[in-house]
C-alpha cells in the first residue's frame, strides 16, 4: 500500500487549505483512513479519521474548522482545513489502517503564518 499526500503550503491565519491523499495497492473494503500531524518538538497526533462506512472523528482542537472526507471508490481522503491558526502548523501525514496494519504516507508541510 502506498499513500501520496498533497496540498500543503503556506497560508495566513484565518485562511484555508485542502489536503488530499491517494492510496494505491492492495486496499481492502474495510479500513480507516486518517490524517495525523506532528509539530516541531511534539508528538504525532490524530487530526481526523474516517471509516470505510463514513463515520468520522475529529480532534477537539480542529472540530468546527477541519472536515475529513473520502471517496471510497477512488481510495482518496481529503482534509478541508478552514480558519487556520498558527498552532495548526505541522507536518501532516496521511494514514490507512486495515487488517491490523498501519500504512503511512510522506508528510506534507502546512505552515500558518502572517
N, C-alpha and C. Protein backbone atom coordinates (compact mmCIF):
# COMPACT_ATOMS: atom_id res chain seq x y z
N UNK A 1 0.84 -1.19 0.00
CA UNK A 1 0.00 0.00 0.00
C UNK A 1 0.88 1.25 0.00
N UNK A 2 0.57 2.16 -0.89
CA UNK A 2 1.30 3.44 -0.95
C UNK A 2 0.30 4.58 -0.78
N UNK A 3 0.75 5.60 -0.08
CA UNK A 3 -0.08 6.77 0.17
C UNK A 3 0.67 8.01 -0.32
N UNK A 4 -0.01 8.81 -1.11
CA UNK A 4 0.61 10.02 -1.66
C UNK A 4 -0.24 11.21 -1.25
N UNK A 5 0.35 12.08 -0.44
CA UNK A 5 -0.37 13.26 0.03
C UNK A 5 0.05 14.49 -0.75
N UNK A 6 -0.85 15.44 -0.82
CA UNK A 6 -0.55 16.71 -1.49
C UNK A 6 -1.43 17.80 -0.90
N UNK A 7 -1.06 19.05 -1.20
CA UNK A 7 -1.92 20.17 -0.82
C UNK A 7 -1.39 21.04 0.29
N UNK A 8 -0.26 20.72 0.86
CA UNK A 8 0.28 21.57 1.92
C UNK A 8 0.80 22.89 1.36
N UNK A 9 1.20 23.77 2.28
CA UNK A 9 1.74 25.04 1.85
C UNK A 9 1.72 26.07 2.96
N UNK A 10 1.93 27.31 2.56
CA UNK A 10 1.94 28.43 3.48
C UNK A 10 0.63 29.20 3.34
N UNK A 11 0.00 29.50 4.47
CA UNK A 11 -1.26 30.22 4.45
C UNK A 11 -1.30 31.17 5.64
N UNK A 12 -2.01 32.26 5.47
CA UNK A 12 -2.14 33.23 6.55
C UNK A 12 -3.17 32.76 7.57
N UNK A 13 -3.06 33.21 8.80
CA UNK A 13 -4.09 32.86 9.80
C UNK A 13 -5.48 33.24 9.30
N UNK A 14 -6.42 32.33 9.54
CA UNK A 14 -7.77 32.54 9.05
C UNK A 14 -8.02 31.98 7.67
N UNK A 15 -6.96 31.57 7.01
CA UNK A 15 -7.09 31.04 5.66
C UNK A 15 -7.49 29.58 5.62
N UNK A 16 -7.52 29.02 4.42
CA UNK A 16 -7.95 27.63 4.20
C UNK A 16 -6.94 26.89 3.33
N UNK A 17 -6.88 25.60 3.57
CA UNK A 17 -6.12 24.69 2.72
C UNK A 17 -6.88 23.39 2.63
N UNK A 18 -6.65 22.67 1.56
CA UNK A 18 -7.25 21.34 1.40
C UNK A 18 -6.14 20.35 1.12
N UNK A 19 -6.03 19.36 1.98
CA UNK A 19 -5.07 18.28 1.78
C UNK A 19 -5.77 17.10 1.13
N UNK A 20 -5.04 16.43 0.24
CA UNK A 20 -5.57 15.23 -0.41
C UNK A 20 -4.56 14.11 -0.28
N UNK A 21 -5.08 12.90 -0.23
CA UNK A 21 -4.22 11.72 -0.13
C UNK A 21 -4.83 10.61 -0.97
N UNK A 22 -4.01 10.01 -1.80
CA UNK A 22 -4.46 8.90 -2.64
C UNK A 22 -3.75 7.63 -2.22
N UNK A 23 -4.52 6.59 -2.00
CA UNK A 23 -3.97 5.30 -1.64
C UNK A 23 -3.99 4.38 -2.85
N UNK A 24 -2.94 3.57 -2.98
CA UNK A 24 -2.87 2.61 -4.07
C UNK A 24 -2.31 1.31 -3.54
N UNK A 25 -2.53 0.25 -4.31
CA UNK A 25 -2.05 -1.06 -3.87
C UNK A 25 -3.21 -1.94 -3.43
N UNK A 26 -2.95 -2.82 -2.49
CA UNK A 26 -3.96 -3.77 -2.00
C UNK A 26 -4.81 -3.11 -0.92
N UNK A 27 -5.87 -2.48 -1.35
CA UNK A 27 -6.78 -1.78 -0.43
C UNK A 27 -7.99 -2.66 -0.17
N UNK A 28 -8.22 -2.99 1.09
CA UNK A 28 -9.37 -3.81 1.44
C UNK A 28 -10.60 -2.93 1.59
N UNK A 29 -11.76 -3.55 1.53
CA UNK A 29 -13.00 -2.78 1.58
C UNK A 29 -13.26 -2.20 2.96
N UNK A 30 -12.72 -2.83 3.99
CA UNK A 30 -12.90 -2.33 5.36
C UNK A 30 -11.58 -1.74 5.83
N UNK A 31 -11.58 -0.45 6.08
CA UNK A 31 -10.36 0.19 6.54
C UNK A 31 -10.71 1.54 7.17
N UNK A 32 -9.71 2.16 7.71
CA UNK A 32 -9.86 3.51 8.26
C UNK A 32 -8.76 4.38 7.66
N UNK A 33 -9.14 5.54 7.19
CA UNK A 33 -8.16 6.50 6.68
C UNK A 33 -8.16 7.70 7.61
N UNK A 34 -7.00 8.27 7.78
CA UNK A 34 -6.89 9.35 8.77
C UNK A 34 -5.79 10.32 8.40
N UNK A 35 -5.85 11.46 9.04
CA UNK A 35 -4.79 12.46 8.97
C UNK A 35 -4.23 12.65 10.38
N UNK A 36 -2.91 12.63 10.46
CA UNK A 36 -2.20 12.95 11.69
C UNK A 36 -1.34 14.18 11.41
N UNK A 37 -0.85 14.78 12.46
CA UNK A 37 0.10 15.89 12.29
C UNK A 37 1.15 15.85 13.40
N UNK A 38 2.28 16.42 13.07
CA UNK A 38 3.36 16.49 14.05
C UNK A 38 4.03 17.85 13.94
N UNK A 39 3.92 18.60 15.01
CA UNK A 39 4.57 19.90 15.09
C UNK A 39 5.98 19.72 15.66
N UNK A 40 6.87 20.66 15.39
CA UNK A 40 8.24 20.55 15.91
C UNK A 40 8.26 20.39 17.42
N UNK A 41 8.98 19.38 17.88
CA UNK A 41 9.11 19.14 19.31
C UNK A 41 7.92 18.50 19.98
N UNK A 42 6.93 18.10 19.18
CA UNK A 42 5.72 17.49 19.74
C UNK A 42 5.50 16.11 19.16
N UNK A 43 4.67 15.35 19.85
CA UNK A 43 4.33 14.02 19.36
C UNK A 43 3.32 14.10 18.22
N UNK A 44 3.34 13.07 17.40
CA UNK A 44 2.36 13.00 16.34
C UNK A 44 0.98 12.80 16.96
N UNK A 45 -0.01 13.51 16.43
CA UNK A 45 -1.35 13.42 16.99
C UNK A 45 -2.37 13.21 15.88
N UNK A 46 -3.46 12.56 16.25
CA UNK A 46 -4.55 12.33 15.33
C UNK A 46 -5.31 13.64 15.11
N UNK A 47 -5.54 13.96 13.84
CA UNK A 47 -6.33 15.13 13.50
C UNK A 47 -7.77 14.73 13.20
N UNK A 48 -7.93 13.74 12.33
CA UNK A 48 -9.27 13.28 11.97
C UNK A 48 -9.16 11.92 11.32
N UNK A 49 -10.22 11.14 11.45
CA UNK A 49 -10.26 9.80 10.86
C UNK A 49 -11.63 9.55 10.28
N UNK A 50 -11.68 8.66 9.29
CA UNK A 50 -12.95 8.31 8.66
C UNK A 50 -12.91 6.83 8.31
N UNK A 51 -13.99 6.13 8.65
CA UNK A 51 -14.05 4.70 8.36
C UNK A 51 -14.54 4.46 6.94
N UNK A 52 -14.53 3.20 6.54
CA UNK A 52 -14.96 2.85 5.21
C UNK A 52 -16.47 3.02 5.02
N UNK A 53 -17.21 3.17 6.13
CA UNK A 53 -18.65 3.42 6.01
C UNK A 53 -18.98 4.89 6.27
N UNK A 54 -17.95 5.70 6.41
CA UNK A 54 -18.17 7.14 6.50
C UNK A 54 -18.27 7.74 7.89
N UNK A 55 -18.07 6.96 8.91
CA UNK A 55 -18.08 7.52 10.27
C UNK A 55 -16.80 8.32 10.48
N UNK A 56 -16.95 9.48 11.09
CA UNK A 56 -15.80 10.37 11.25
C UNK A 56 -15.51 10.69 12.72
N UNK A 57 -14.29 11.07 12.96
CA UNK A 57 -13.85 11.50 14.28
C UNK A 57 -12.85 12.63 14.07
N UNK A 58 -13.09 13.76 14.74
CA UNK A 58 -12.19 14.89 14.63
C UNK A 58 -11.64 15.25 16.01
N UNK A 59 -10.38 15.59 16.07
CA UNK A 59 -9.79 16.04 17.33
C UNK A 59 -10.52 17.29 17.81
N UNK A 60 -10.61 17.44 19.11
CA UNK A 60 -11.30 18.61 19.68
C UNK A 60 -10.69 19.91 19.17
N UNK A 61 -9.39 19.92 18.97
CA UNK A 61 -8.70 21.14 18.57
C UNK A 61 -9.06 21.61 17.17
N UNK A 62 -9.66 20.73 16.36
CA UNK A 62 -9.99 21.10 14.98
C UNK A 62 -11.49 21.03 14.69
N UNK A 63 -12.28 20.59 15.65
CA UNK A 63 -13.73 20.48 15.42
C UNK A 63 -14.31 21.82 15.03
N UNK A 64 -15.15 21.80 14.00
CA UNK A 64 -15.76 23.02 13.52
C UNK A 64 -14.90 23.78 12.52
N UNK A 65 -13.66 23.37 12.38
CA UNK A 65 -12.75 24.05 11.43
C UNK A 65 -12.28 23.11 10.33
N UNK A 66 -12.00 21.86 10.68
CA UNK A 66 -11.50 20.88 9.72
C UNK A 66 -12.59 19.85 9.44
N UNK A 67 -12.60 19.35 8.21
CA UNK A 67 -13.55 18.31 7.83
C UNK A 67 -12.83 17.25 7.01
N UNK A 68 -12.94 16.01 7.45
CA UNK A 68 -12.36 14.90 6.70
C UNK A 68 -13.44 14.28 5.83
N UNK A 69 -13.04 13.87 4.64
CA UNK A 69 -13.98 13.20 3.73
C UNK A 69 -13.20 12.19 2.89
N UNK A 70 -13.92 11.27 2.28
CA UNK A 70 -13.22 10.28 1.46
C UNK A 70 -14.07 9.90 0.27
N UNK A 71 -13.38 9.44 -0.75
CA UNK A 71 -14.02 8.85 -1.92
C UNK A 71 -13.58 7.39 -1.92
N UNK A 72 -14.47 6.53 -1.46
CA UNK A 72 -14.08 5.13 -1.29
C UNK A 72 -13.75 4.48 -2.62
N UNK A 73 -14.45 4.84 -3.66
CA UNK A 73 -14.21 4.24 -4.97
C UNK A 73 -12.82 4.60 -5.51
N UNK A 74 -12.36 5.81 -5.17
CA UNK A 74 -11.06 6.26 -5.65
C UNK A 74 -9.96 6.05 -4.63
N UNK A 75 -10.32 5.58 -3.44
CA UNK A 75 -9.35 5.39 -2.36
C UNK A 75 -8.60 6.68 -2.04
N UNK A 76 -9.35 7.74 -1.93
CA UNK A 76 -8.76 9.03 -1.57
C UNK A 76 -9.40 9.56 -0.29
N UNK A 77 -8.63 10.35 0.43
CA UNK A 77 -9.14 11.01 1.62
C UNK A 77 -8.66 12.46 1.59
N UNK A 78 -9.56 13.36 1.91
CA UNK A 78 -9.26 14.79 1.91
C UNK A 78 -9.43 15.36 3.30
N UNK A 79 -8.73 16.44 3.54
CA UNK A 79 -8.90 17.18 4.78
C UNK A 79 -9.07 18.65 4.42
N UNK A 80 -10.28 19.16 4.58
CA UNK A 80 -10.55 20.57 4.35
C UNK A 80 -10.27 21.31 5.64
N UNK A 81 -9.35 22.26 5.57
CA UNK A 81 -8.94 23.00 6.77
C UNK A 81 -9.30 24.46 6.60
N UNK A 82 -10.20 24.94 7.44
CA UNK A 82 -10.63 26.33 7.42
C UNK A 82 -10.24 27.02 8.72
N UNK A 83 -10.28 28.33 8.70
CA UNK A 83 -9.96 29.13 9.89
C UNK A 83 -8.65 28.68 10.53
N UNK A 84 -7.65 28.53 9.71
CA UNK A 84 -6.37 28.01 10.18
C UNK A 84 -5.72 28.95 11.18
N UNK A 85 -5.04 28.34 12.14
CA UNK A 85 -4.37 29.08 13.21
C UNK A 85 -2.87 28.76 13.17
N UNK A 86 -2.04 29.63 13.70
CA UNK A 86 -0.60 29.32 13.73
C UNK A 86 -0.30 27.99 14.42
N UNK A 87 -1.10 27.62 15.40
CA UNK A 87 -0.86 26.35 16.09
C UNK A 87 -1.22 25.13 15.25
N UNK A 88 -1.79 25.34 14.08
CA UNK A 88 -2.03 24.23 13.15
C UNK A 88 -0.78 23.91 12.33
N UNK A 89 0.24 24.73 12.46
CA UNK A 89 1.47 24.49 11.72
C UNK A 89 2.09 23.16 12.13
N UNK A 90 2.32 22.32 11.15
CA UNK A 90 2.84 20.98 11.41
C UNK A 90 3.07 20.28 10.07
N UNK A 91 3.71 19.13 10.18
CA UNK A 91 3.75 18.22 9.04
C UNK A 91 2.54 17.30 9.17
N UNK A 92 1.76 17.21 8.13
CA UNK A 92 0.54 16.41 8.13
C UNK A 92 0.79 15.11 7.38
N UNK A 93 0.35 14.01 8.00
CA UNK A 93 0.58 12.68 7.45
C UNK A 93 -0.75 11.99 7.18
N UNK A 94 -0.82 11.36 6.03
CA UNK A 94 -1.96 10.53 5.68
C UNK A 94 -1.70 9.12 6.20
N UNK A 95 -2.76 8.45 6.62
CA UNK A 95 -2.62 7.13 7.24
C UNK A 95 -3.78 6.25 6.79
N UNK A 96 -3.46 4.97 6.57
CA UNK A 96 -4.50 3.99 6.27
C UNK A 96 -4.28 2.78 7.17
N UNK A 97 -5.35 2.33 7.81
CA UNK A 97 -5.28 1.15 8.66
C UNK A 97 -6.21 0.07 8.18
N UNK A 98 -5.69 -1.14 8.00
CA UNK A 98 -6.51 -2.26 7.60
C UNK A 98 -5.88 -3.55 8.08
N UNK A 99 -6.72 -4.48 8.46
CA UNK A 99 -6.32 -5.79 9.00
C UNK A 99 -5.14 -5.68 9.96
N UNK A 100 -5.19 -4.70 10.84
CA UNK A 100 -4.19 -4.57 11.88
C UNK A 100 -2.88 -3.96 11.45
N UNK A 101 -2.81 -3.46 10.24
CA UNK A 101 -1.57 -2.86 9.75
C UNK A 101 -1.81 -1.39 9.45
N UNK A 102 -0.87 -0.55 9.84
CA UNK A 102 -0.94 0.88 9.56
C UNK A 102 0.06 1.24 8.46
N UNK A 103 -0.41 2.01 7.52
CA UNK A 103 0.44 2.49 6.44
C UNK A 103 0.50 4.02 6.53
N UNK A 104 1.68 4.55 6.26
CA UNK A 104 1.89 5.99 6.35
C UNK A 104 2.39 6.54 5.02
N UNK A 105 1.90 7.72 4.69
CA UNK A 105 2.45 8.44 3.56
C UNK A 105 3.52 9.40 4.04
N UNK A 106 4.25 9.96 3.09
CA UNK A 106 5.19 11.01 3.43
C UNK A 106 4.39 12.25 3.83
N UNK A 107 4.91 13.00 4.74
CA UNK A 107 4.18 14.16 5.22
C UNK A 107 4.17 15.32 4.26
N UNK A 108 3.23 16.20 4.49
CA UNK A 108 3.16 17.44 3.73
C UNK A 108 3.12 18.59 4.74
N UNK A 109 3.95 19.59 4.49
CA UNK A 109 4.10 20.69 5.45
C UNK A 109 2.96 21.69 5.29
N UNK A 110 2.37 22.05 6.43
CA UNK A 110 1.39 23.12 6.49
C UNK A 110 1.94 24.18 7.45
N UNK A 111 2.09 25.38 6.94
CA UNK A 111 2.59 26.48 7.75
C UNK A 111 1.57 27.61 7.76
N UNK A 112 1.16 28.00 8.95
CA UNK A 112 0.18 29.08 9.10
C UNK A 112 0.91 30.26 9.74
N UNK A 113 1.11 31.29 8.95
CA UNK A 113 1.89 32.42 9.41
C UNK A 113 1.56 33.66 8.60
N UNK A 114 1.63 34.80 9.26
CA UNK A 114 1.42 36.06 8.56
C UNK A 114 2.75 36.62 8.07
